[in-house]
Amino acid sequence: MKFLFSVVTLFFLTGSCNSQKQATTNSNESNAAPVAEKQIMTDKQKAVGQNYDVAVIYEARSRGFAKYAYISKAKVTLSEDRSLQKMDDYTCDAKDWEDIEQLLDAIDRKTFQSLKAPTDKRLYDGAASTTLSIKQGDVVYMTPTFDEGFPPKEIEKLVNKVLAIAEKVKKQ
């Protein structure tokens, strides 16, 4: 009986000591967690705030051809290099960006990813495979591939404006 009493006492003491340690550790962690969490949220908010650009990305590729245009409020980036190693940056004109924003407002993002290509020349190398993407922060809406020069009617004005801006800045 004395042995049983000792084991129960030992268990009780060990259990209570561990639970106190655990409670102490948890209280220290809980005090540190909100501070760390606040710091993480602040850093995340800073990163999102800096990268919450809206941009339009046009990509056309075939075996011997590549065209890339990235247009945001601040800049226009162009490349004709398939690996995108050589890229040229230009400033985006405020009027051009306003036009892009108006065209973007007219597009339904939900149906953007289900647009149908009017032609299928890209399937037999008759045209470059092309996509148009809209980047909003860390979310990207991308069209299915279509033939270069023959975009779906819903985005035709936007594609033409992107290409016009690319040609305009290239001439500068």
C-alpha atoms as a PDB file:
ATOM      1  CA  MET A   1       0.000   0.000   0.000  1.00  0.00           C
ATOM      2  CA  LYS A   2       2.850   2.356   0.851  1.00  0.00           C
ATOM      3  CA  PHE A   3       4.413   1.630  -2.581  1.00  0.00           C
ATOM      4  CA  LEU A   4       1.115   2.408  -4.347  1.00  0.00           C
ATOM      5  CA  PHE A   5       0.806   5.637  -2.382  1.00  0.00           C
ATOM      6  CA  SER A   6       4.377   6.624  -3.427  1.00  0.00           C
ATOM      7  CA  VAL A   7       3.658   5.941  -7.125  1.00  0.00           C
ATOM      8  CA  VAL A   8       0.405   7.927  -7.010  1.00  0.00           C
ATOM      9  CA  THR A   9       2.148  10.773  -5.172  1.00  0.00           C
ATOM     10  CA  LEU A  10       5.039  10.712  -7.654  1.00  0.00           C
ATOM     11  CA  PHE A  11       2.618  10.723 -10.587  1.00  0.00           C
ATOM     12  CA  PHE A  12       0.627  13.549  -9.069  1.00  0.00           C
ATOM     13  CA  LEU A  13       3.744  15.621  -8.385  1.00  0.00           C
ATOM     14  CA  THR A  14       5.248  14.909 -11.789  1.00  0.00           C
ATOM     15  CA  GLY A  15       1.966  15.631 -13.543  1.00  0.00           C
ATOM     16  CA  SER A  16       1.434  18.865 -11.691  1.00  0.00           C
ATOM     17  CA  CYS A  17       5.001  20.015 -12.303  1.00  0.00           C
ATOM     18  CA  ASN A  18       4.728  19.266 -16.012  1.00  0.00           C
ATOM     19  CA  SER A  19       1.404  20.967 -16.265  1.00  0.00           C
ATOM     20  CA  GLN A  20       2.812  24.046 -14.542  1.00  0.00           C
ATOM     21  CA  LYS A  21       5.785  24.043 -16.889  1.00  0.00           C
ATOM     22  CA  GLN A  22       3.475  23.621 -19.795  1.00  0.00           C
ATOM     23  CA  ALA A  23       1.235  26.420 -18.611  1.00  0.00           C
ATOM     24  CA  THR A  24       4.256  28.648 -18.113  1.00  0.00           C
ATOM     25  CA  THR A  25       5.630  27.754 -21.527  1.00  0.00           C
ATOM     26  CA  ASN A  26       2.260  28.305 -23.183  1.00  0.00           C
ATOM     27  CA  SER A  27       1.803  31.661 -21.514  1.00  0.00           C
ATOM     28  CA  ASN A  28       5.253  32.763 -22.701  1.00  0.00           C
ATOM     29  CA  GLU A  29       4.503  31.533 -26.208  1.00  0.00           C
ATOM     30  CA  SER A  30       1.124  33.215 -26.213  1.00  0.00           C
ATOM     31  CA  ASN A  31       2.736  36.513 -25.238  1.00  0.00           C
ATOM     32  CA  ALA A  32       5.359  36.152 -27.942  1.00  0.00           C
ATOM     33  CA  ALA A  33       2.947  34.857 -30.605  1.00  0.00           C
ATOM     34  CA  PRO A  34       0.840  38.015 -30.945  1.00  0.00           C
ATOM     35  CA  VAL A  35       3.965  40.140 -31.260  1.00  0.00           C
ATOM     36  CA  ALA A  36       5.434  37.819 -33.909  1.00  0.00           C
ATOM     37  CA  GLU A  37       2.053  37.511 -35.622  1.00  0.00           C
ATOM     38  CA  LYS A  38       1.674  41.282 -35.715  1.00  0.00           C
ATOM     39  CA  GLN A  39       5.171  41.567 -37.165  1.00  0.00           C
ATOM     40  CA  ILE A  40       4.411  38.933 -39.816  1.00  0.00           C
ATOM     41  CA  MET A  41       1.144  40.596 -40.732  1.00  0.00           C
ATOM     42  CA  THR A  42       2.877  43.939 -41.014  1.00  0.00           C
ATOM     43  CA  ASP A  43       5.573  42.488 -43.276  1.00  0.00           C
ATOM     44  CA  LYS A  44       2.956  40.685 -45.347  1.00  0.00           C
ATOM     45  CA  GLN A  45       0.873  43.821 -45.686  1.00  0.00           C
ATOM     46  CA  LYS A  46       3.952  45.736 -46.794  1.00  0.00           C
ATOM     47  CA  ALA A  47       4.783  43.109 -49.398  1.00  0.00           C
ATOM     48  CA  VAL A  48       1.222  42.932 -50.693  1.00  0.00           C
ATOM     49  CA  GLY A  49       0.983  46.707 -50.768  1.00  0.00           C
ATOM     50  CA  GLN A  50       4.114  46.931 -52.876  1.00  0.00           C
ATOM     51  CA  ASN A  51       3.157  44.093 -55.200  1.00  0.00           C
ATOM     52  CA  TYR A  52      -0.548  44.743 -55.598  1.00  0.00           C
ATOM     53  CA  ASP A  53      -0.012  46.107 -59.040  1.00  0.00           C
ATOM     54  CA  VAL A  54      -2.557  45.417 -61.687  1.00  0.00           C
ATOM     55  CA  ALA A  55      -0.823  44.323 -64.856  1.00  0.00           C
ATOM     56  CA  VAL A  56      -1.649  42.901 -68.244  1.00  0.00           C
ATOM     57  CA  ILE A  57       0.675  40.251 -69.663  1.00  0.00           C
ATOM     58  CA  TYR A  58       0.659  39.300 -73.344  1.00  0.00           C
ATOM     59  CA  GLU A  59       2.657  36.263 -74.468  1.00  0.00           C
ATOM     60  CA  ALA A  60       2.899  34.837 -77.984  1.00  0.00           C
ATOM     61  CA  ARG A  61       5.168  31.902 -78.858  1.00  0.00           C
ATOM     62  CA  SER A  62       5.879  29.569 -81.729  1.00  0.00           C
ATOM     63  CA  ARG A  63       8.961  27.596 -82.709  1.00  0.00           C
ATOM     64  CA  GLY A  64      10.951  30.552 -84.014  1.00  0.00           C
ATOM     65  CA  PHE A  65       9.053  33.459 -82.537  1.00  0.00           C
ATOM     66  CA  ALA A  66       8.425  34.978 -79.117  1.00  0.00           C
ATOM     67  CA  LYS A  67       6.741  38.184 -78.008  1.00  0.00           C
ATOM     68  CA  TYR A  68       6.237  39.215 -74.383  1.00  0.00           C
ATOM     69  CA  ALA A  69       4.656  42.416 -73.085  1.00  0.00           C
ATOM     70  CA  TYR A  70       4.055  43.252 -69.418  1.00  0.00           C
ATOM     71  CA  ILE A  71       2.140  46.485 -68.871  1.00  0.00           C
ATOM     72  CA  SER A  72       1.443  47.998 -65.463  1.00  0.00           C
ATOM     73  CA  LYS A  73       0.735  51.506 -64.261  1.00  0.00           C
ATOM     74  CA  ALA A  74       4.424  52.173 -63.702  1.00  0.00           C
ATOM     75  CA  LYS A  75       6.161  50.397 -66.566  1.00  0.00           C
ATOM     76  CA  VAL A  76       6.056  48.503 -69.812  1.00  0.00           C
ATOM     77  CA  THR A  77       8.401  45.534 -70.130  1.00  0.00           C
ATOM     78  CA  LEU A  78       9.001  44.004 -73.552  1.00  0.00           C
ATOM     79  CA  SER A  79      10.964  41.007 -74.734  1.00  0.00           C
ATOM     80  CA  GLU A  80      11.388  38.974 -77.897  1.00  0.00           C
ATOM     81  CA  ASP A  81      13.683  36.485 -76.193  1.00  0.00           C
ATOM     82  CA  ARG A  82      12.096  33.041 -75.671  1.00  0.00           C
ATOM     83  CA  SER A  83      13.814  32.602 -72.306  1.00  0.00           C
ATOM     84  CA  LEU A  84      12.966  36.173 -71.207  1.00  0.00           C
ATOM     85  CA  GLN A  85      16.610  36.839 -70.364  1.00  0.00           C
ATOM     86  CA  LYS A  86      16.765  40.104 -72.317  1.00  0.00           C
ATOM     87  CA  MET A  87      13.959  42.443 -71.317  1.00  0.00           C
ATOM     88  CA  ASP A  88      13.566  46.152 -72.016  1.00  0.00           C
ATOM     89  CA  ASP A  89      11.751  48.431 -69.560  1.00  0.00           C
ATOM     90  CA  TYR A  90       9.936  51.634 -70.476  1.00  0.00           C
ATOM     91  CA  THR A  91       7.689  53.997 -68.537  1.00  0.00           C
ATOM     92  CA  CYS A  92       3.975  53.653 -69.087  1.00  0.00           C
ATOM     93  CA  ASP A  93       2.104  56.744 -70.223  1.00  0.00           C
ATOM     94  CA  ALA A  94      -0.685  57.736 -67.787  1.00  0.00           C
ATOM     95  CA  LYS A  95      -3.244  58.090 -70.611  1.00  0.00           C
ATOM     96  CA  ASP A  96      -2.412  54.633 -71.951  1.00  0.00           C
ATOM     97  CA  TRP A  97      -2.827  53.136 -68.492  1.00  0.00           C
ATOM     98  CA  GLU A  98      -6.216  54.848 -68.071  1.00  0.00           C
ATOM     99  CA  ASP A  99      -7.321  53.274 -71.354  1.00  0.00           C
ATOM    100  CA  ILE A 100      -6.130  49.867 -70.167  1.00  0.00           C
ATOM    101  CA  GLU A 101      -8.029  50.263 -66.867  1.00  0.00           C
ATOM    102  CA  GLN A 102     -11.252  51.136 -68.716  1.00  0.00           C
ATOM    103  CA  LEU A 103     -10.879  48.075 -70.918  1.00  0.00           C
ATOM    104  CA  LEU A 104     -10.127  45.901 -67.883  1.00  0.00           C
ATOM    105  CA  ASP A 105     -13.263  47.155 -66.130  1.00  0.00           C
ATOM    106  CA  ALA A 106     -15.354  45.972 -69.075  1.00  0.00           C
ATOM    107  CA  ILE A 107     -14.022  42.398 -68.829  1.00  0.00           C
ATOM    108  CA  ASP A 108     -15.686  39.792 -66.613  1.00  0.00           C
ATOM    109  CA  ARG A 109     -12.856  37.995 -64.787  1.00  0.00           C
ATOM    110  CA  LYS A 110     -15.045  34.923 -64.121  1.00  0.00           C
ATOM    111  CA  THR A 111     -15.539  34.182 -67.817  1.00  0.00           C
ATOM    112  CA  PHE A 112     -12.036  35.338 -68.774  1.00  0.00           C
ATOM    113  CA  GLN A 113     -10.588  31.863 -68.283  1.00  0.00           C
ATOM    114  CA  SER A 114     -13.214  30.169 -70.438  1.00  0.00           C
ATOM    115  CA  LEU A 115     -13.010  32.305 -73.597  1.00  0.00           C
ATOM    116  CA  LYS A 116     -13.066  30.434 -76.899  1.00  0.00           C
ATOM    117  CA  ALA A 117     -10.491  31.081 -79.611  1.00  0.00           C
ATOM    118  CA  PRO A 118     -12.108  32.019 -82.951  1.00  0.00           C
ATOM    119  CA  THR A 119      -9.461  30.171 -85.027  1.00  0.00           C
ATOM    120  CA  ASP A 120      -7.183  27.136 -84.563  1.00  0.00           C
ATOM    121  CA  LYS A 121      -4.133  27.999 -86.679  1.00  0.00           C
ATOM    122  CA  ARG A 122      -1.830  27.544 -83.679  1.00  0.00           C
ATOM    123  CA  LEU A 123      -2.604  23.821 -83.712  1.00  0.00           C
ATOM    124  CA  TYR A 124      -0.692  23.303 -86.970  1.00  0.00           C
ATOM    125  CA  ASP A 125       1.923  26.074 -86.606  1.00  0.00           C
ATOM    126  CA  GLY A 126      -0.125  28.506 -88.681  1.00  0.00           C
ATOM    127  CA  ALA A 127       0.058  31.142 -85.924  1.00  0.00           C
ATOM    128  CA  ALA A 128       1.804  31.682 -82.622  1.00  0.00           C
ATOM    129  CA  SER A 129       0.076  30.385 -79.495  1.00  0.00           C
ATOM    130  CA  THR A 130      -0.936  33.422 -77.485  1.00  0.00           C
ATOM    131  CA  THR A 131      -2.277  34.082 -73.991  1.00  0.00           C
ATOM    132  CA  LEU A 132      -3.396  37.216 -72.247  1.00  0.00           C
ATOM    133  CA  SER A 133      -3.185  37.407 -68.456  1.00  0.00           C
ATOM    134  CA  ILE A 134      -4.462  39.900 -65.939  1.00  0.00           C
ATOM    135  CA  LYS A 135      -2.409  40.021 -62.746  1.00  0.00           C
ATOM    136  CA  GLN A 136      -4.060  41.523 -59.669  1.00  0.00           C
ATOM    137  CA  GLY A 137      -1.733  41.250 -56.701  1.00  0.00           C
ATOM    138  CA  ASP A 138      -0.919  37.580 -56.423  1.00  0.00           C
ATOM    139  CA  VAL A 139      -3.935  36.414 -58.456  1.00  0.00           C
ATOM    140  CA  VAL A 140      -3.522  35.821 -62.186  1.00  0.00           C
ATOM    141  CA  TYR A 141      -6.399  35.384 -64.633  1.00  0.00           C
ATOM    142  CA  MET A 142      -5.236  33.785 -67.875  1.00  0.00           C
ATOM    143  CA  THR A 143      -7.068  33.140 -71.126  1.00  0.00           C
ATOM    144  CA  PRO A 144      -6.845  29.805 -72.875  1.00  0.00           C
ATOM    145  CA  THR A 145      -4.438  29.954 -75.829  1.00  0.00           C
ATOM    146  CA  PHE A 146      -5.562  31.644 -79.006  1.00  0.00           C
ATOM    147  CA  ASP A 147      -3.944  32.492 -82.332  1.00  0.00           C
ATOM    148  CA  GLU A 148      -1.830  35.618 -82.479  1.00  0.00           C
ATOM    149  CA  GLY A 149      -3.729  38.212 -84.457  1.00  0.00           C
ATOM    150  CA  PHE A 150      -7.083  36.510 -83.796  1.00  0.00           C
ATOM    151  CA  PRO A 151      -8.066  37.074 -80.150  1.00  0.00           C
ATOM    152  CA  PRO A 152     -11.534  36.238 -78.794  1.00  0.00           C
ATOM    153  CA  LYS A 153     -13.955  39.118 -79.450  1.00  0.00           C
ATOM    154  CA  GLU A 154     -14.427  39.764 -75.703  1.00  0.00           C
ATOM    155  CA  ILE A 155     -10.777  40.804 -75.311  1.00  0.00           C
ATOM    156  CA  GLU A 156      -9.978  42.061 -78.801  1.00  0.00           C
ATOM    157  CA  LYS A 157      -9.880  45.762 -77.821  1.00  0.00           C
ATOM    158  CA  LEU A 158      -7.638  45.028 -74.826  1.00  0.00           C
ATOM    159  CA  VAL A 159      -5.229  42.924 -76.909  1.00  0.00           C
ATOM    160  CA  ASN A 160      -5.060  45.602 -79.584  1.00  0.00           C
ATOM    161  CA  LYS A 161      -4.390  48.300 -76.967  1.00  0.00           C
ATOM    162  CA  VAL A 162      -1.612  46.214 -75.369  1.00  0.00           C
ATOM    163  CA  LEU A 163       0.032  45.682 -78.758  1.00  0.00           C
ATOM    164  CA  ALA A 164      -0.353  49.375 -79.645  1.00  0.00           C
ATOM    165  CA  ILE A 165       1.317  50.415 -76.381  1.00  0.00           C
ATOM    166  CA  ALA A 166       4.132  47.923 -76.989  1.00  0.00           C
ATOM    167  CA  GLU A 167       4.765  49.344 -80.466  1.00  0.00           C
ATOM    168  CA  LYS A 168       4.540  52.924 -79.209  1.00  0.00           C
ATOM    169  CA  VAL A 169       7.128  52.491 -76.444  1.00  0.00           C
ATOM    170  CA  LYS A 170       9.420  50.518 -78.721  1.00  0.00           C
ATOM    171  CA  LYS A 171       9.657  53.525 -81.066  1.00  0.00           C
ATOM    172  CA  GLN A 172      10.698  55.858 -78.246  1.00  0.00           C
END
